[in-house]
């Protein structure tokens, strides 16, 4: 039994230049859409990568960054 993995392309209408750059970076790295094949798929790898990039760009402490995320809902 062989497991064939395929890359799923995320379809997105580009509205923000920053988000389009993250999307290009994500596809350029050839990452799978979901890393966990057997467990629950709550967040995609693209969403996780986007949060890490936003966190690093904010140059804030993690606690302040999370508080800002809750405020922006």
PDB file of N, CA and C in Angstrom:
ATOM      1  N   UNK A   1       0.850  -1.186   0.000  1.00  0.00           N
ATOM      2  CA  UNK A   1       0.000   0.000   0.000  1.00  0.00           C
ATOM      3  C   UNK A   1       0.886   1.235   0.000  1.00  0.00           C
ATOM      4  N   UNK A   2       0.773   2.074  -1.010  1.00  0.00           N
ATOM      5  CA  UNK A   2       1.571   3.300  -1.044  1.00  0.00           C
ATOM      6  C   UNK A   2       0.655   4.498  -0.813  1.00  0.00           C
ATOM      7  N   UNK A   3       1.194   5.450  -0.113  1.00  0.00           N
ATOM      8  CA  UNK A   3       0.448   6.665   0.204  1.00  0.00           C
ATOM      9  C   UNK A   3       0.890   7.759  -0.758  1.00  0.00           C
ATOM     10  N   UNK A   4      -0.007   8.209  -1.592  1.00  0.00           N
ATOM     11  CA  UNK A   4       0.308   9.246  -2.565  1.00  0.00           C
ATOM     12  C   UNK A   4      -0.160  10.576  -2.004  1.00  0.00           C
ATOM     13  N   UNK A   5       0.770  11.520  -1.908  1.00  0.00           N
ATOM     14  CA  UNK A   5       0.435  12.834  -1.376  1.00  0.00           C
ATOM     15  C   UNK A   5       0.434  13.834  -2.524  1.00  0.00           C
ATOM     16  N   UNK A   6      -0.581  14.640  -2.591  1.00  0.00           N
ATOM     17  CA  UNK A   6      -0.671  15.657  -3.622  1.00  0.00           C
ATOM     18  C   UNK A   6      -0.750  17.027  -2.976  1.00  0.00           C
ATOM     19  N   UNK A   7      -0.269  18.014  -3.677  1.00  0.00           N
ATOM     20  CA  UNK A   7      -0.302  19.392  -3.192  1.00  0.00           C
ATOM     21  C   UNK A   7      -1.621  20.021  -3.590  1.00  0.00           C
ATOM     22  N   UNK A   8      -2.334  20.575  -2.634  1.00  0.00           N
ATOM     23  CA  UNK A   8      -3.573  21.274  -2.906  1.00  0.00           C
ATOM     24  C   UNK A   8      -3.280  22.765  -3.001  1.00  0.00           C
ATOM     25  N   UNK A   9      -3.679  23.383  -4.063  1.00  0.00           N
ATOM     26  CA  UNK A   9      -3.472  24.810  -4.238  1.00  0.00           C
ATOM     27  C   UNK A   9      -4.633  25.557  -3.606  1.00  0.00           C
ATOM     28  N   UNK A  10      -4.304  26.526  -2.779  1.00  0.00           N
ATOM     29  CA  UNK A  10      -5.335  27.329  -2.122  1.00  0.00           C
ATOM     30  C   UNK A  10      -5.801  28.403  -3.097  1.00  0.00           C
ATOM     31  N   UNK A  11      -7.077  28.431  -3.351  1.00  0.00           N
ATOM     32  CA  UNK A  11      -7.650  29.446  -4.233  1.00  0.00           C
ATOM     33  C   UNK A  11      -8.014  30.658  -3.379  1.00  0.00           C
ATOM     34  N   UNK A  12      -7.505  31.803  -3.750  1.00  0.00           N
ATOM     35  CA  UNK A  12      -7.741  33.001  -2.960  1.00  0.00           C
ATOM     36  C   UNK A  12      -7.751  34.203  -3.891  1.00  0.00           C
ATOM     37  N   UNK A  13      -8.683  35.092  -3.665  1.00  0.00           N
ATOM     38  CA  UNK A  13      -8.713  36.341  -4.409  1.00  0.00           C
ATOM     39  C   UNK A  13      -7.777  37.316  -3.709  1.00  0.00           C
ATOM     40  N   UNK A  14      -6.763  37.773  -4.432  1.00  0.00           N
ATOM     41  CA  UNK A  14      -5.745  38.616  -3.817  1.00  0.00           C
ATOM     42  C   UNK A  14      -6.280  40.022  -3.555  1.00  0.00           C
ATOM     43  N   UNK A  15      -6.334  40.385  -2.277  1.00  0.00           N
ATOM     44  CA  UNK A  15      -6.784  41.717  -1.896  1.00  0.00           C
ATOM     45  C   UNK A  15      -5.660  42.488  -1.223  1.00  0.00           C
ATOM     46  N   UNK A  16      -4.782  41.771  -0.534  1.00  0.00           N
ATOM     47  CA  UNK A  16      -3.699  42.412   0.189  1.00  0.00           C
ATOM     48  C   UNK A  16      -2.367  41.892  -0.331  1.00  0.00           C
ATOM     49  N   UNK A  17      -1.451  42.801  -0.565  1.00  0.00           N
ATOM     50  CA  UNK A  17      -0.146  42.417  -1.099  1.00  0.00           C
ATOM     51  C   UNK A  17       0.611  41.523  -0.125  1.00  0.00           C
ATOM     52  N   UNK A  18       0.515  41.820   1.174  1.00  0.00           N
ATOM     53  CA  UNK A  18       1.205  41.023   2.179  1.00  0.00           C
ATOM     54  C   UNK A  18       0.692  39.588   2.189  1.00  0.00           C
ATOM     55  N   UNK A  19      -0.613  39.422   2.127  1.00  0.00           N
ATOM     56  CA  UNK A  19      -1.194  38.082   2.126  1.00  0.00           C
ATOM     57  C   UNK A  19      -0.816  37.317   0.856  1.00  0.00           C
ATOM     58  N   UNK A  20      -0.742  38.019  -0.260  1.00  0.00           N
ATOM     59  CA  UNK A  20      -0.343  37.344  -1.496  1.00  0.00           C
ATOM     60  C   UNK A  20       1.107  36.892  -1.423  1.00  0.00           C
ATOM     61  N   UNK A  21       1.971  37.666  -0.761  1.00  0.00           N
ATOM     62  CA  UNK A  21       3.368  37.261  -0.605  1.00  0.00           C
ATOM     63  C   UNK A  21       3.490  36.029   0.296  1.00  0.00           C
ATOM     64  N   UNK A  22       2.690  35.970   1.355  1.00  0.00           N
ATOM     65  CA  UNK A  22       2.699  34.792   2.226  1.00  0.00           C
ATOM     66  C   UNK A  22       2.222  33.572   1.448  1.00  0.00           C
ATOM     67  N   UNK A  23       1.204  33.748   0.616  1.00  0.00           N
ATOM     68  CA  UNK A  23       0.685  32.647  -0.183  1.00  0.00           C
ATOM     69  C   UNK A  23       1.731  32.138  -1.175  1.00  0.00           C
ATOM     70  N   UNK A  24       2.469  33.063  -1.804  1.00  0.00           N
ATOM     71  CA  UNK A  24       3.538  32.664  -2.720  1.00  0.00           C
ATOM     72  C   UNK A  24       4.640  31.922  -1.971  1.00  0.00           C
ATOM     73  N   UNK A  25       4.984  32.400  -0.788  1.00  0.00           N
ATOM     74  CA  UNK A  25       5.999  31.741   0.030  1.00  0.00           C
ATOM     75  C   UNK A  25       5.553  30.340   0.419  1.00  0.00           C
ATOM     76  N   UNK A  26       4.307  30.203   0.808  1.00  0.00           N
ATOM     77  CA  UNK A  26       3.756  28.911   1.209  1.00  0.00           C
ATOM     78  C   UNK A  26       3.817  27.909   0.063  1.00  0.00           C
ATOM     79  N   UNK A  27       3.378  28.314  -1.117  1.00  0.00           N
ATOM     80  CA  UNK A  27       3.396  27.413  -2.265  1.00  0.00           C
ATOM     81  C   UNK A  27       4.825  27.151  -2.736  1.00  0.00           C
ATOM     82  N   UNK A  28       5.700  28.128  -2.593  1.00  0.00           N
ATOM     83  CA  UNK A  28       7.094  27.948  -2.976  1.00  0.00           C
ATOM     84  C   UNK A  28       7.815  26.932  -2.115  1.00  0.00           C
ATOM     85  N   UNK A  29       7.385  26.808  -0.857  1.00  0.00           N
ATOM     86  CA  UNK A  29       8.005  25.851   0.059  1.00  0.00           C
ATOM     87  C   UNK A  29       7.429  24.449  -0.115  1.00  0.00           C
ATOM     88  N   UNK A  30       6.403  24.304  -0.938  1.00  0.00           N
ATOM     89  CA  UNK A  30       5.773  23.006  -1.217  1.00  0.00           C
ATOM     90  C   UNK A  30       5.254  22.316   0.042  1.00  0.00           C
ATOM     91  N   UNK A  31       4.640  23.085   0.919  1.00  0.00           N
ATOM     92  CA  UNK A  31       4.095  22.525   2.150  1.00  0.00           C
ATOM     93  C   UNK A  31       2.747  21.862   1.892  1.00  0.00           C
ATOM     94  N   UNK A  32       2.421  20.796   2.630  1.00  0.00           N
ATOM     95  CA  UNK A  32       1.089  20.195   2.490  1.00  0.00           C
ATOM     96  C   UNK A  32       0.040  21.098   3.121  1.00  0.00           C
ATOM     97  N   UNK A  33      -1.195  20.951   2.705  1.00  0.00           N
ATOM     98  CA  UNK A  33      -2.264  21.780   3.262  1.00  0.00           C
ATOM     99  C   UNK A  33      -2.500  21.459   4.734  1.00  0.00           C
ATOM    100  N   UNK A  34      -2.466  20.174   5.078  1.00  0.00           N
ATOM    101  CA  UNK A  34      -2.605  19.750   6.469  1.00  0.00           C
ATOM    102  C   UNK A  34      -1.456  18.804   6.805  1.00  0.00           C
ATOM    103  N   UNK A  35      -0.801  19.049   7.929  1.00  0.00           N
ATOM    104  CA  UNK A  35       0.315  18.214   8.333  1.00  0.00           C
ATOM    105  C   UNK A  35      -0.168  16.928   8.997  1.00  0.00           C
ATOM    106  N   UNK A  36      -1.279  16.999   9.711  1.00  0.00           N
ATOM    107  CA  UNK A  36      -1.807  15.862  10.443  1.00  0.00           C
ATOM    108  C   UNK A  36      -2.816  15.116   9.560  1.00  0.00           C
ATOM    109  N   UNK A  37      -2.480  13.883   9.172  1.00  0.00           N
ATOM    110  CA  UNK A  37      -3.350  13.145   8.260  1.00  0.00           C
ATOM    111  C   UNK A  37      -4.439  12.350   8.978  1.00  0.00           C
ATOM    112  N   UNK A  38      -4.251  12.047  10.261  1.00  0.00           N
ATOM    113  CA  UNK A  38      -5.188  11.176  10.952  1.00  0.00           C
ATOM    114  C   UNK A  38      -6.005  11.884  12.025  1.00  0.00           C
ATOM    115  N   UNK A  39      -5.546  12.999  12.522  1.00  0.00           N
ATOM    116  CA  UNK A  39      -6.245  13.706  13.588  1.00  0.00           C
ATOM    117  C   UNK A  39      -7.173  14.773  13.043  1.00  0.00           C
ATOM    118  N   UNK A  40      -7.724  15.570  13.942  1.00  0.00           N
ATOM    119  CA  UNK A  40      -8.627  16.648  13.503  1.00  0.00           C
ATOM    120  C   UNK A  40      -7.862  17.730  12.735  1.00  0.00           C
ATOM    121  N   UNK A  41      -8.503  18.276  11.734  1.00  0.00           N
ATOM    122  CA  UNK A  41      -7.891  19.320  10.912  1.00  0.00           C
ATOM    123  C   UNK A  41      -8.557  20.645  11.248  1.00  0.00           C
ATOM    124  N   UNK A  42      -8.068  21.269  12.287  1.00  0.00           N
ATOM    125  CA  UNK A  42      -8.672  22.515  12.750  1.00  0.00           C
ATOM    126  C   UNK A  42      -8.090  23.706  11.992  1.00  0.00           C
ATOM    127  N   UNK A  43      -6.754  23.782  11.926  1.00  0.00           N
ATOM    128  CA  UNK A  43      -6.083  24.883  11.233  1.00  0.00           C
ATOM    129  C   UNK A  43      -5.184  24.307  10.149  1.00  0.00           C
ATOM    130  N   UNK A  44      -5.176  24.938   8.992  1.00  0.00           N
ATOM    131  CA  UNK A  44      -4.305  24.482   7.905  1.00  0.00           C
ATOM    132  C   UNK A  44      -2.883  24.986   8.156  1.00  0.00           C
ATOM    133  N   UNK A  45      -1.941  24.396   7.460  1.00  0.00           N
ATOM    134  CA  UNK A  45      -0.548  24.815   7.605  1.00  0.00           C
ATOM    135  C   UNK A  45      -0.373  26.256   7.124  1.00  0.00           C
ATOM    136  N   UNK A  46      -1.156  26.670   6.138  1.00  0.00           N
ATOM    137  CA  UNK A  46      -1.098  28.051   5.662  1.00  0.00           C
ATOM    138  C   UNK A  46      -1.506  29.026   6.760  1.00  0.00           C
ATOM    139  N   UNK A  47      -2.544  28.684   7.514  1.00  0.00           N
ATOM    140  CA  UNK A  47      -2.987  29.548   8.612  1.00  0.00           C
ATOM    141  C   UNK A  47      -1.928  29.623   9.698  1.00  0.00           C
ATOM    142  N   UNK A  48      -1.295  28.498  10.008  1.00  0.00           N
ATOM    143  CA  UNK A  48      -0.237  28.487  11.031  1.00  0.00           C
ATOM    144  C   UNK A  48       0.957  29.318  10.598  1.00  0.00           C
ATOM    145  N   UNK A  49       1.376  29.148   9.332  1.00  0.00           N
ATOM    146  CA  UNK A  49       2.495  29.929   8.810  1.00  0.00           C
ATOM    147  C   UNK A  49       2.170  31.414   8.827  1.00  0.00           C
ATOM    148  N   UNK A  50       0.961  31.776   8.465  1.00  0.00           N
ATOM    149  CA  UNK A  50       0.557  33.189   8.463  1.00  0.00           C
ATOM    150  C   UNK A  50       0.626  33.788   9.861  1.00  0.00           C
ATOM    151  N   UNK A  51       0.187  33.029  10.865  1.00  0.00           N
ATOM    152  CA  UNK A  51       0.256  33.534  12.240  1.00  0.00           C
ATOM    153  C   UNK A  51       1.682  33.739  12.701  1.00  0.00           C
ATOM    154  N   UNK A  52       2.565  32.830  12.347  1.00  0.00           N
ATOM    155  CA  UNK A  52       3.973  32.973  12.735  1.00  0.00           C
ATOM    156  C   UNK A  52       4.584  34.204  12.082  1.00  0.00           C
ATOM    157  N   UNK A  53       4.288  34.411  10.799  1.00  0.00           N
ATOM    158  CA  UNK A  53       4.827  35.582  10.095  1.00  0.00           C
ATOM    159  C   UNK A  53       4.280  36.871  10.705  1.00  0.00           C
ATOM    160  N   UNK A  54       2.982  36.907  10.981  1.00  0.00           N
ATOM    161  CA  UNK A  54       2.393  38.105  11.599  1.00  0.00           C
ATOM    162  C   UNK A  54       2.967  38.364  12.986  1.00  0.00           C
ATOM    163  N   UNK A  55       3.182  37.307  13.747  1.00  0.00           N
ATOM    164  CA  UNK A  55       3.759  37.445  15.078  1.00  0.00           C
ATOM    165  C   UNK A  55       5.175  38.014  14.999  1.00  0.00           C
ATOM    166  N   UNK A  56       5.991  37.497  14.083  1.00  0.00           N
ATOM    167  CA  UNK A  56       7.365  37.973  13.954  1.00  0.00           C
ATOM    168  C   UNK A  56       7.413  39.421  13.452  1.00  0.00           C
ATOM    169  N   UNK A  57       6.487  39.781  12.566  1.00  0.00           N
ATOM    170  CA  UNK A  57       6.458  41.155  12.051  1.00  0.00           C
ATOM    171  C   UNK A  57       6.009  42.155  13.107  1.00  0.00           C
ATOM    172  N   UNK A  58       5.176  41.706  14.041  1.00  0.00           N
ATOM    173  CA  UNK A  58       4.652  42.619  15.049  1.00  0.00           C
ATOM    174  C   UNK A  58       5.707  43.009  16.080  1.00  0.00           C
ATOM    175  N   UNK A  59       6.726  42.161  16.269  1.00  0.00           N
ATOM    176  CA  UNK A  59       7.800  42.404  17.240  1.00  0.00           C
ATOM    177  C   UNK A  59       7.243  42.634  18.638  1.00  0.00           C
ATOM    178  N   UNK A  60       6.183  41.913  18.963  1.00  0.00           N
ATOM    179  CA  UNK A  60       5.563  42.017  20.280  1.00  0.00           C
ATOM    180  C   UNK A  60       5.822  40.756  21.074  1.00  0.00           C
ATOM    181  N   UNK A  61       5.588  40.853  22.367  1.00  0.00           N
ATOM    182  CA  UNK A  61       5.643  39.682  23.222  1.00  0.00           C
ATOM    183  C   UNK A  61       4.428  38.815  22.874  1.00  0.00           C
ATOM    184  N   UNK A  62       4.579  37.505  23.020  1.00  0.00           N
ATOM    185  CA  UNK A  62       3.510  36.586  22.623  1.00  0.00           C
ATOM    186  C   UNK A  62       2.193  36.904  23.326  1.00  0.00           C
ATOM    187  N   UNK A  63       2.252  37.239  24.589  1.00  0.00           N
ATOM    188  CA  UNK A  63       1.036  37.557  25.348  1.00  0.00           C
ATOM    189  C   UNK A  63       0.309  38.763  24.753  1.00  0.00           C
ATOM    190  N   UNK A  64       1.052  39.806  24.372  1.00  0.00           N
ATOM    191  CA  UNK A  64       0.442  40.991  23.769  1.00  0.00           C
ATOM    192  C   UNK A  64      -0.112  40.687  22.379  1.00  0.00           C
ATOM    193  N   UNK A  65       0.602  39.846  21.626  1.00  0.00           N
ATOM    194  CA  UNK A  65       0.138  39.472  20.293  1.00  0.00           C
ATOM    195  C   UNK A  65      -1.177  38.711  20.367  1.00  0.00           C
ATOM    196  N   UNK A  66      -1.286  37.773  21.303  1.00  0.00           N
ATOM    197  CA  UNK A  66      -2.524  37.009  21.463  1.00  0.00           C
ATOM    198  C   UNK A  66      -3.661  37.911  21.907  1.00  0.00           C
ATOM    199  N   UNK A  67      -3.378  38.841  22.809  1.00  0.00           N
ATOM    200  CA  UNK A  67      -4.417  39.784  23.243  1.00  0.00           C
ATOM    201  C   UNK A  67      -4.905  40.627  22.067  1.00  0.00           C
ATOM    202  N   UNK A  68      -3.986  41.027  21.188  1.00  0.00           N
ATOM    203  CA  UNK A  68      -4.376  41.803  20.025  1.00  0.00           C
ATOM    204  C   UNK A  68      -5.228  40.979  19.060  1.00  0.00           C
ATOM    205  N   UNK A  69      -4.955  39.679  18.960  1.00  0.00           N
ATOM    206  CA  UNK A  69      -5.769  38.815  18.108  1.00  0.00           C
ATOM    207  C   UNK A  69      -7.195  38.727  18.612  1.00  0.00           C
ATOM    208  N   UNK A  70      -7.349  38.608  19.929  1.00  0.00           N
ATOM    209  CA  UNK A  70      -8.697  38.542  20.499  1.00  0.00           C
ATOM    210  C   UNK A  70      -9.450  39.856  20.301  1.00  0.00           C
ATOM    211  N   UNK A  71      -8.733  40.986  20.352  1.00  0.00           N
ATOM    212  CA  UNK A  71      -9.366  42.291  20.156  1.00  0.00           C
ATOM    213  C   UNK A  71      -9.814  42.493  18.723  1.00  0.00           C
ATOM    214  N   UNK A  72      -9.100  41.873  17.758  1.00  0.00           N
ATOM    215  CA  UNK A  72      -9.401  42.129  16.360  1.00  0.00           C
ATOM    216  C   UNK A  72     -10.502  41.233  15.797  1.00  0.00           C
ATOM    217  N   UNK A  73     -11.126  40.405  16.616  1.00  0.00           N
ATOM    218  CA  UNK A  73     -12.200  39.520  16.145  1.00  0.00           C
ATOM    219  C   UNK A  73     -13.383  40.308  15.632  1.00  0.00           C
TER     220      UNK A  73
END
